[in-house]
């Protein structure tokens, strides 16, 4: 798509002055539009310009330019950070490997954040990620905020399996060298502490804080109190949990002891017993050998065993609430909220068919799904049924009469499992 054609110019300008003049007319035209239409036009034109920029940097590479040259080009004509310049240069390198990415960016099929996630993975895989139709389609069909996780998992899976463990160890060693804690003031006048380090340590810290935050949520009223009446938000509870953990303040609030979180890893039993294969985290990234050795030495290990159909722990109608072992099975299977992909630390077990509905939902693993608290409330408050379609994707539909519990207490209090994801297990 030629930029001139997109801007409705009659011919390709030959000088920069003509281009500036044409762009000035476009900007003036956009300003005269109603706000909603102006916003759509601006988004469209931004996509075109970002695509044109990436194509320009790709052309520079094809003509012998380096990534550093493109970083310098990205910094011209405007104040910009080094990280922003590197990001734009990586985008150009990805388009150099796969020109179709520029077209997807120009048409809006891929957003800039999604292209950047693919570009990051491409930089780690000698450009292969930029050419992967499988990865690109998965990113297209996912929320932009999930793009980084998807691309990171793809890069980890497609690195040379013979050196994947070494690569993970090298990554962790680099992150450990760069670990730091710093204090600074935010733009809104607050004070802040930044913790930066290796993925595994940050995951452990975040898991512990999430577990402590849930205790505070229950103390504040939990499900017995409407969400809009809770005295603090989840982010505020996380801050209070961090303050308690670091200062040991408010011992009475947390029961006098720190709540212990957990870390989830996956490894094939046969490979593990034979001393081969690699453990992975929920996002598909490889567990560094040093980290796995430490978990095996110091952690409390809880294994989840699947049958040939991938199902675990059938309990029928004898148990209403999901057991801790079943919840671990859900975590192993679903790896996060099945609707919005929220982290397992924010999730709880949900009956696909309510326990107290006429259809009598069962607490079998295939009749449960992992959902975050917000999605759980939404499903019950709107009286919908969560199910898997023929392609294995989780979807919602209106609940039938047999799937609707008797009226009484609010539905999410009446039949949703009240037992939240168990954080009493340290490592799994």
Protein backbone atom coordinates (compact mmCIF):
# COMPACT_ATOMS: atom_id res chain seq x y z
CA UNK A 1 0.00 0.00 0.00
CA UNK A 2 1.65 3.26 -1.12
CA UNK A 3 1.52 6.00 1.49
CA UNK A 4 0.52 8.53 -1.18
CA UNK A 5 -2.41 6.34 -2.23
CA UNK A 6 -3.50 5.92 1.36
CA UNK A 7 -3.50 9.68 1.90
CA UNK A 8 -5.46 10.21 -1.35
CA UNK A 9 -2.65 12.15 -3.03
CA UNK A 10 -2.86 12.42 -6.82
CA UNK A 11 0.82 11.65 -7.43
CA UNK A 12 3.97 10.66 -5.59
CA UNK A 13 5.67 13.85 -4.30
CA UNK A 14 9.31 14.24 -5.34
CA UNK A 15 10.57 16.52 -2.58
CA UNK A 16 10.41 16.63 1.15
CA UNK A 17 8.66 19.99 1.01
CA UNK A 18 5.83 18.51 -1.03
CA UNK A 19 5.49 15.67 1.45
CA UNK A 20 5.37 18.10 4.36
CA UNK A 21 2.72 20.09 2.55
CA UNK A 22 0.63 17.00 1.86
CA UNK A 23 0.93 15.81 5.45
CA UNK A 24 -0.06 19.24 6.70
CA UNK A 25 -3.25 19.03 4.64
CA UNK A 26 -3.98 15.57 6.06
CA UNK A 27 -3.48 16.78 9.64
CA UNK A 28 -5.72 19.80 9.03
CA UNK A 29 -8.36 17.52 7.53
CA UNK A 30 -8.25 15.15 10.52
CA UNK A 31 -8.62 18.06 12.94
CA UNK A 32 -11.82 19.11 11.19
CA UNK A 33 -13.48 15.70 11.62
CA UNK A 34 -15.80 14.66 14.47
CA UNK A 35 -13.80 13.26 17.38
CA UNK A 36 -14.72 9.57 16.87
CA UNK A 37 -13.89 9.62 13.15
CA UNK A 38 -10.71 11.63 13.76
CA UNK A 39 -9.51 9.03 16.28
CA UNK A 40 -10.08 6.20 13.77
CA UNK A 41 -8.21 8.08 11.04
CA UNK A 42 -5.30 8.86 13.35
CA UNK A 43 -4.99 5.18 14.35
CA UNK A 44 -5.06 4.15 10.68
CA UNK A 45 -2.44 6.69 9.65
CA UNK A 46 -0.22 5.79 12.61
CA UNK A 47 -0.28 2.16 11.47
CA UNK A 48 0.74 3.22 7.95
CA UNK A 49 3.60 5.36 9.22
CA UNK A 50 4.87 2.66 11.60
CA UNK A 51 4.80 0.17 8.73
CA UNK A 52 6.60 2.63 6.47
CA UNK A 53 9.24 3.21 9.17
CA UNK A 54 9.81 -0.54 9.61
CA UNK A 55 10.10 -0.96 5.83
CA UNK A 56 12.63 1.88 5.71
CA UNK A 57 14.83 0.24 8.35
CA UNK A 58 14.46 -3.11 6.59
CA UNK A 59 15.60 -1.48 3.35
CA UNK A 60 18.58 0.00 5.18
CA UNK A 61 19.57 -3.47 6.41
CA UNK A 62 19.18 -4.89 2.91
CA UNK A 63 21.54 -2.19 1.66
CA UNK A 64 24.20 -3.11 4.21
CA UNK A 65 23.16 -1.07 7.23
CA UNK A 66 23.45 -2.48 10.74
CA UNK A 67 21.01 -2.62 13.63
CA UNK A 68 23.05 0.11 15.32
CA UNK A 69 22.63 2.28 12.21
CA UNK A 70 18.88 1.81 12.43
CA UNK A 71 18.91 2.65 16.14
CA UNK A 72 20.63 5.93 15.27
CA UNK A 73 18.04 6.58 12.53
CA UNK A 74 15.22 5.92 15.00
CA UNK A 75 16.62 8.58 17.32
CA UNK A 76 16.67 11.31 14.68
CA UNK A 77 14.22 14.18 14.64
CA UNK A 78 12.67 13.59 18.08
CA UNK A 79 13.67 12.98 21.69
CA UNK A 80 13.64 9.23 22.30
CA UNK A 81 15.08 6.72 24.73
CA UNK A 82 17.64 4.07 23.79
CA UNK A 83 15.13 1.33 24.50
CA UNK A 84 12.60 2.92 22.13
CA UNK A 85 15.24 3.25 19.40
CA UNK A 86 16.23 -0.41 19.85
CA UNK A 87 12.58 -1.48 19.69
CA UNK A 88 12.04 0.35 16.37
CA UNK A 89 15.27 -1.10 14.96
CA UNK A 90 14.18 -4.62 15.97
CA UNK A 91 10.86 -4.00 14.22
CA UNK A 92 12.79 -3.17 11.06
CA UNK A 93 14.90 -6.33 11.38
CA UNK A 94 11.74 -8.43 11.71
CA UNK A 95 10.25 -6.83 8.60
CA UNK A 96 13.54 -7.48 6.80
CA UNK A 97 13.07 -11.18 7.63
CA UNK A 98 9.36 -11.14 6.73
CA UNK A 99 7.99 -8.16 4.72
CA UNK A 100 4.42 -9.37 5.34
CA UNK A 101 4.69 -8.10 8.92
CA UNK A 102 4.70 -4.54 7.58
CA UNK A 103 1.50 -5.24 5.65
CA UNK A 104 -0.15 -6.72 8.76
CA UNK A 105 0.90 -3.63 10.72
CA UNK A 106 -0.37 -1.25 8.04
CA UNK A 107 -3.78 -2.94 7.82
CA UNK A 108 -4.16 -3.22 11.59
CA UNK A 109 -4.14 -7.03 11.62
CA UNK A 110 -1.22 -6.76 14.02
CA UNK A 111 -0.69 -3.94 16.50
CA UNK A 112 2.71 -2.40 17.15
CA UNK A 113 3.02 -4.23 20.50
CA UNK A 114 2.30 -7.55 18.80
CA UNK A 115 4.88 -6.93 16.07
CA UNK A 116 7.39 -5.90 18.73
CA UNK A 117 6.82 -9.17 20.62
CA UNK A 118 7.44 -11.13 17.41
CA UNK A 119 10.51 -8.97 16.71
CA UNK A 120 11.93 -9.73 20.19
CA UNK A 121 11.48 -13.46 19.58
CA UNK A 122 13.03 -13.08 16.13
CA UNK A 123 16.12 -11.45 17.66
CA UNK A 124 16.56 -14.55 19.85
CA UNK A 125 16.02 -17.08 17.05
CA UNK A 126 18.06 -15.64 14.16
CA UNK A 127 14.93 -14.18 12.59
CA UNK A 128 12.99 -17.46 12.53
CA UNK A 129 10.17 -16.17 14.72
CA UNK A 130 9.39 -13.44 12.18
CA UNK A 131 8.84 -16.11 9.52
CA UNK A 132 6.71 -18.46 11.61
CA UNK A 133 3.12 -18.40 10.34
CA UNK A 134 2.15 -20.47 13.40
CA UNK A 135 3.47 -17.84 15.82
CA UNK A 136 2.10 -14.91 13.83
CA UNK A 137 -1.38 -16.43 13.65
CA UNK A 138 -1.38 -17.22 17.38
CA UNK A 139 -0.38 -13.63 18.18
CA UNK A 140 -3.05 -12.28 15.80
CA UNK A 141 -5.73 -14.35 17.50
CA UNK A 142 -4.69 -13.38 21.04
CA UNK A 143 -5.03 -10.24 23.11
CA UNK A 144 -2.15 -7.76 22.60
CA UNK A 145 -1.17 -8.05 26.27
CA UNK A 146 -0.53 -11.79 25.76
CA UNK A 147 1.80 -11.29 22.79
CA UNK A 148 5.02 -11.13 24.83
CA UNK A 149 4.26 -14.34 26.70
CA UNK A 150 3.30 -16.18 23.50
CA UNK A 151 6.41 -15.01 21.64
CA UNK A 152 8.68 -15.80 24.59
CA UNK A 153 7.27 -19.32 24.81
CA UNK A 154 7.76 -19.82 21.07
CA UNK A 155 11.37 -18.63 21.25
CA UNK A 156 12.13 -20.97 24.16
CA UNK A 157 10.52 -23.93 22.38
CA UNK A 158 12.34 -23.30 19.12
CA UNK A 159 15.82 -22.70 20.42
CA UNK A 160 18.17 -25.60 19.78
CA UNK A 161 16.97 -28.30 22.20
CA UNK A 162 20.55 -29.45 22.68
CA UNK A 163 21.55 -26.14 24.18
CA UNK A 164 18.14 -24.96 25.45
CA UNK A 165 19.04 -25.68 29.07
CA UNK A 166 22.36 -23.90 28.70
CA UNK A 167 20.62 -20.93 27.10
CA UNK A 168 18.17 -20.77 30.00
CA UNK A 169 21.03 -20.91 32.51
CA UNK A 170 22.87 -18.17 30.63
CA UNK A 171 19.72 -16.03 30.60
CA UNK A 172 19.29 -16.47 34.33
CA UNK A 173 22.95 -15.72 35.00
CA UNK A 174 22.65 -12.49 33.01
CA UNK A 175 19.47 -11.53 34.87
CA UNK A 176 21.13 -12.31 38.20
CA UNK A 177 24.07 -10.05 37.32
CA UNK A 178 21.62 -7.25 36.54
CA UNK A 179 19.44 -7.75 39.65
CA UNK A 180 18.82 -4.64 41.68
CA UNK A 181 16.40 -2.80 43.93
CA UNK A 182 16.01 0.93 43.47
CA UNK A 183 13.91 3.68 45.01
CA UNK A 184 12.46 6.55 43.01
CA UNK A 185 9.63 9.08 42.91
CA UNK A 186 6.80 8.58 40.43
CA UNK A 187 5.28 11.26 38.22
CA UNK A 188 2.11 11.30 40.33
CA UNK A 189 4.04 12.20 43.49
CA UNK A 190 4.30 8.75 45.09
CA UNK A 191 7.42 6.93 46.21
CA UNK A 192 8.21 3.57 44.58
CA UNK A 193 10.59 0.64 44.84
CA UNK A 194 11.59 -1.31 41.73
CA UNK A 195 12.78 -4.91 41.99
CA UNK A 196 14.53 -6.21 38.88
CA UNK A 197 16.07 -9.65 38.52
CA UNK A 198 15.70 -13.19 37.23
CA UNK A 199 12.30 -14.55 36.20
CA UNK A 200 12.28 -17.32 38.78
CA UNK A 201 12.98 -15.07 41.80
CA UNK A 202 10.42 -12.50 40.68
CA UNK A 203 7.85 -15.30 40.16
CA UNK A 204 8.47 -16.55 43.71
CA UNK A 205 8.13 -13.05 45.18
CA UNK A 206 4.96 -12.36 43.19
CA UNK A 207 3.43 -15.71 44.14
CA UNK A 208 4.06 -15.05 47.84
CA UNK A 209 2.59 -11.55 47.62
CA UNK A 210 -0.45 -12.86 45.75
CA UNK A 211 -1.04 -15.48 48.44
CA UNK A 212 -0.76 -12.89 51.21
CA UNK A 213 -3.03 -10.53 49.26
CA UNK A 214 -5.73 -13.21 49.17
CA UNK A 215 -5.60 -13.50 52.94
CA UNK A 216 -6.16 -9.76 53.17
CA UNK A 217 -9.04 -10.05 50.69
CA UNK A 218 -10.72 -12.66 52.88
CA UNK A 219 -10.10 -10.53 55.99
CA UNK A 220 -11.72 -7.55 54.23
CA UNK A 221 -14.89 -9.55 53.61
CA UNK A 222 -14.07 -11.80 50.65
CA UNK A 223 -17.13 -12.98 48.77
CA UNK A 224 -19.48 -11.86 51.52
CA UNK A 225 -18.83 -8.24 50.53
CA UNK A 226 -19.64 -6.76 47.12
CA UNK A 227 -16.56 -5.87 45.12
CA UNK A 228 -17.37 -2.17 45.05
CA UNK A 229 -17.59 -2.15 48.86
CA UNK A 230 -14.16 -3.64 49.52
CA UNK A 231 -11.97 -1.13 51.36
CA UNK A 232 -9.01 -1.61 49.02
CA UNK A 233 -8.26 -2.73 45.48
CA UNK A 234 -6.18 -5.78 44.57
CA UNK A 235 -3.16 -3.56 43.82
CA UNK A 236 -3.54 -1.89 47.21
CA UNK A 237 -3.72 -5.29 48.91
CA UNK A 238 -0.56 -6.36 47.07
CA UNK A 239 1.21 -3.24 48.34
CA UNK A 240 0.05 -3.92 51.91
CA UNK A 241 1.16 -7.55 51.57
CA UNK A 242 4.60 -6.42 50.39
CA UNK A 243 4.86 -4.01 53.31
CA UNK A 244 3.97 -6.75 55.77
CA UNK A 245 6.37 -9.22 54.19
CA UNK A 246 9.31 -6.82 54.14
CA UNK A 247 8.77 -5.16 57.51
CA UNK A 248 6.91 -7.98 59.36
CA UNK A 249 4.36 -5.28 60.19
CA UNK A 250 0.75 -6.15 61.02
CA UNK A 251 1.48 -9.66 62.24
CA UNK A 252 -2.08 -10.04 63.41
CA UNK A 253 -3.40 -9.33 59.94
CA UNK A 254 -1.52 -12.17 58.31
CA UNK A 255 -1.93 -14.60 61.18
CA UNK A 256 1.57 -14.02 62.54
CA UNK A 257 3.36 -15.86 59.76
CA UNK A 258 4.15 -15.36 56.13
CA UNK A 259 1.93 -17.11 53.60
CA UNK A 260 3.93 -19.34 51.29
CA UNK A 261 3.28 -19.27 47.55
CA UNK A 262 4.12 -21.83 44.92
CA UNK A 263 5.82 -22.26 41.58
CA UNK A 264 4.45 -24.58 38.88
CA UNK A 265 6.67 -26.54 36.52
CA UNK A 266 5.96 -29.25 33.95
CA UNK A 267 8.16 -32.20 33.00
CA UNK A 268 7.35 -35.55 31.40
CA UNK A 269 7.67 -38.30 34.02
CA UNK A 270 9.46 -40.69 31.67
CA UNK A 271 11.99 -38.03 30.68
CA UNK A 272 12.48 -37.02 34.30
CA UNK A 273 13.13 -40.58 35.50
CA UNK A 274 15.50 -41.19 32.59
CA UNK A 275 17.45 -38.03 33.32
CA UNK A 276 16.58 -36.35 30.03
CA UNK A 277 14.16 -33.67 28.91
CA UNK A 278 13.62 -30.22 30.32
CA UNK A 279 11.21 -28.77 32.85
CA UNK A 280 9.19 -25.76 31.73
CA UNK A 281 7.17 -23.05 33.43
CA UNK A 282 3.52 -22.31 32.63
CA UNK A 283 4.48 -19.88 29.84
CA UNK A 284 6.61 -22.53 28.13
CA UNK A 285 9.97 -21.06 29.12
CA UNK A 286 12.69 -23.51 30.12
CA UNK A 287 13.56 -23.88 33.81
CA UNK A 288 17.32 -23.27 34.26
CA UNK A 289 19.05 -26.36 35.61
CA UNK A 290 20.35 -24.48 38.66
CA UNK A 291 16.80 -23.42 39.54
CA UNK A 292 15.39 -26.95 39.05
CA UNK A 293 18.14 -28.40 41.24
CA UNK A 294 17.35 -25.88 43.98
CA UNK A 295 13.61 -26.63 43.84
CA UNK A 296 14.27 -30.38 43.98
CA UNK A 297 16.55 -29.87 46.98
CA UNK A 298 14.60 -27.34 49.05
CA UNK A 299 11.03 -27.32 47.77
CA UNK A 300 7.99 -29.35 48.70
CA UNK A 301 7.20 -31.24 45.51
CA UNK A 302 3.58 -32.13 44.66
CA UNK A 303 3.12 -34.15 41.48
CA UNK A 304 0.00 -34.25 39.32
CA UNK A 305 -0.46 -37.50 37.36
CA UNK A 306 -2.70 -37.50 34.27
CA UNK A 307 -4.41 -40.47 32.69
CA UNK A 308 -4.20 -41.18 28.95
CA UNK A 309 -7.02 -38.68 28.34
CA UNK A 310 -5.32 -35.93 30.31
CA UNK A 311 -7.88 -36.08 33.16
CA UNK A 312 -7.21 -36.42 36.89
CA UNK A 313 -9.07 -37.11 40.13
CA UNK A 314 -12.73 -37.92 39.45
CA UNK A 315 -14.82 -37.37 42.58
CA UNK A 316 -18.42 -37.27 41.29
CA UNK A 317 -21.05 -35.77 43.59
CA UNK A 318 -19.33 -36.77 46.84
CA UNK A 319 -17.38 -33.51 46.98
CA UNK A 320 -18.79 -30.09 46.19
CA UNK A 321 -15.56 -28.11 46.42
CA UNK A 322 -12.47 -28.79 44.38
CA UNK A 323 -9.76 -30.39 46.52
CA UNK A 324 -6.24 -28.90 46.65
CA UNK A 325 -5.06 -31.79 44.47
CA UNK A 326 -7.78 -31.09 41.89
CA UNK A 327 -6.88 -27.41 41.89
CA UNK A 328 -3.27 -28.36 41.22
CA UNK A 329 -4.55 -30.48 38.35
CA UNK A 330 -6.52 -27.52 36.97
CA UNK A 331 -3.44 -25.34 37.19
CA UNK A 332 -1.40 -27.96 35.36
CA UNK A 333 -4.06 -28.27 32.63
CA UNK A 334 -5.34 -24.70 32.19
CA UNK A 335 -2.22 -22.71 33.22
CA UNK A 336 -4.29 -19.62 34.01
CA UNK A 337 -7.78 -18.18 33.52
CA UNK A 338 -9.29 -19.93 30.51
CA UNK A 339 -11.06 -16.71 29.44
CA UNK A 340 -8.57 -13.84 29.94
CA UNK A 341 -5.34 -15.81 30.67
CA UNK A 342 -4.89 -14.14 34.07
CA UNK A 343 -2.13 -15.72 36.16
CA UNK A 344 -2.97 -18.78 38.27
CA UNK A 345 -2.39 -16.70 41.40
CA UNK A 346 -5.59 -14.79 40.57
CA UNK A 347 -7.71 -17.87 39.76
CA UNK A 348 -10.19 -20.24 41.38
CA UNK A 349 -12.07 -23.39 40.39
CA UNK A 350 -15.39 -22.97 38.56
CA UNK A 351 -18.10 -25.61 38.02
CA UNK A 352 -19.10 -25.66 34.35
CA UNK A 353 -22.56 -26.77 35.50
CA UNK A 354 -23.45 -25.32 38.93
CA UNK A 355 -23.47 -27.79 41.78
CA UNK A 356 -26.94 -26.77 42.97
CA UNK A 357 -28.53 -26.50 39.51
CA UNK A 358 -31.17 -29.09 38.47
CA UNK A 359 -28.57 -30.68 36.16
CA UNK A 360 -26.40 -31.35 39.26
CA UNK A 361 -22.92 -30.33 38.23
CA UNK A 362 -20.09 -32.62 39.32
CA UNK A 363 -16.72 -31.88 40.85
CA UNK A 364 -14.84 -33.88 38.23
CA UNK A 365 -11.78 -32.36 36.65
CA UNK A 366 -13.44 -32.29 33.21
CA UNK A 367 -16.39 -30.40 34.73
CA UNK A 368 -14.17 -27.71 36.24
CA UNK A 369 -12.22 -24.82 34.76
CA UNK A 370 -9.75 -22.30 36.14
CA UNK A 371 -11.04 -18.72 35.99
CA UNK A 372 -9.96 -15.47 37.62
CA UNK A 373 -12.22 -13.79 40.16
CA UNK A 374 -13.43 -11.12 37.71
CA UNK A 375 -14.36 -13.68 35.04
CA UNK A 376 -15.95 -15.89 37.72
CA UNK A 377 -18.19 -13.05 38.87
CA UNK A 378 -19.05 -12.18 35.26
CA UNK A 379 -20.07 -15.76 34.39
CA UNK A 380 -22.36 -16.11 37.39
CA UNK A 381 -23.71 -12.56 37.46
CA UNK A 382 -24.80 -12.83 33.80
CA UNK A 383 -26.03 -16.47 34.22
CA UNK A 384 -23.90 -17.97 31.47
CA UNK A 385 -22.37 -21.39 30.90
CA UNK A 386 -18.70 -21.87 30.13
CA UNK A 387 -17.97 -24.66 27.65
CA UNK A 388 -15.42 -25.89 25.13
CA UNK A 389 -16.34 -25.76 21.44
CA UNK A 390 -15.37 -28.29 18.77
CA UNK A 391 -11.98 -26.62 18.34
CA UNK A 392 -11.23 -26.88 22.05
CA UNK A 393 -11.68 -23.12 22.66
CA UNK A 394 -13.46 -21.91 25.80
CA UNK A 395 -16.71 -20.04 25.03
CA UNK A 396 -19.78 -18.67 26.82
CA UNK A 397 -23.49 -19.15 26.11
CA UNK A 398 -26.67 -18.34 28.06
CA UNK A 399 -27.35 -20.93 30.77
CA UNK A 400 -30.35 -23.22 30.26
CA UNK A 401 -33.04 -23.73 32.91
CA UNK A 402 -31.34 -26.99 34.00
CA UNK A 403 -28.06 -25.11 34.42
CA UNK A 404 -29.53 -22.27 36.48
CA UNK A 405 -29.48 -22.64 40.30
CA UNK A 406 -32.55 -21.85 42.37
CA UNK A 407 -32.97 -18.17 43.18
CA UNK A 408 -31.73 -17.05 46.56
CA UNK A 409 -28.28 -15.83 47.36
CA UNK A 410 -26.27 -14.24 44.54
CA UNK A 411 -25.19 -17.02 42.17
CA UNK A 412 -21.48 -16.57 42.62
CA UNK A 413 -21.96 -17.09 46.36
CA UNK A 414 -24.50 -19.90 45.95
CA UNK A 415 -22.73 -22.45 43.83
CA UNK A 416 -19.30 -21.27 42.76
CA UNK A 417 -16.47 -23.10 44.52
CA UNK A 418 -15.39 -21.01 47.47
CA UNK A 419 -12.03 -22.73 47.81
CA UNK A 420 -9.42 -20.62 46.04
CA UNK A 421 -6.18 -21.83 44.49
CA UNK A 422 -4.14 -23.37 47.29
CA UNK A 423 -0.94 -21.50 48.04
CA UNK A 424 0.09 -23.74 50.89
CA UNK A 425 2.30 -25.78 48.55
CA UNK A 426 5.68 -24.20 47.96
CA UNK A 427 6.90 -25.80 44.70
CA UNK A 428 5.11 -28.08 42.26
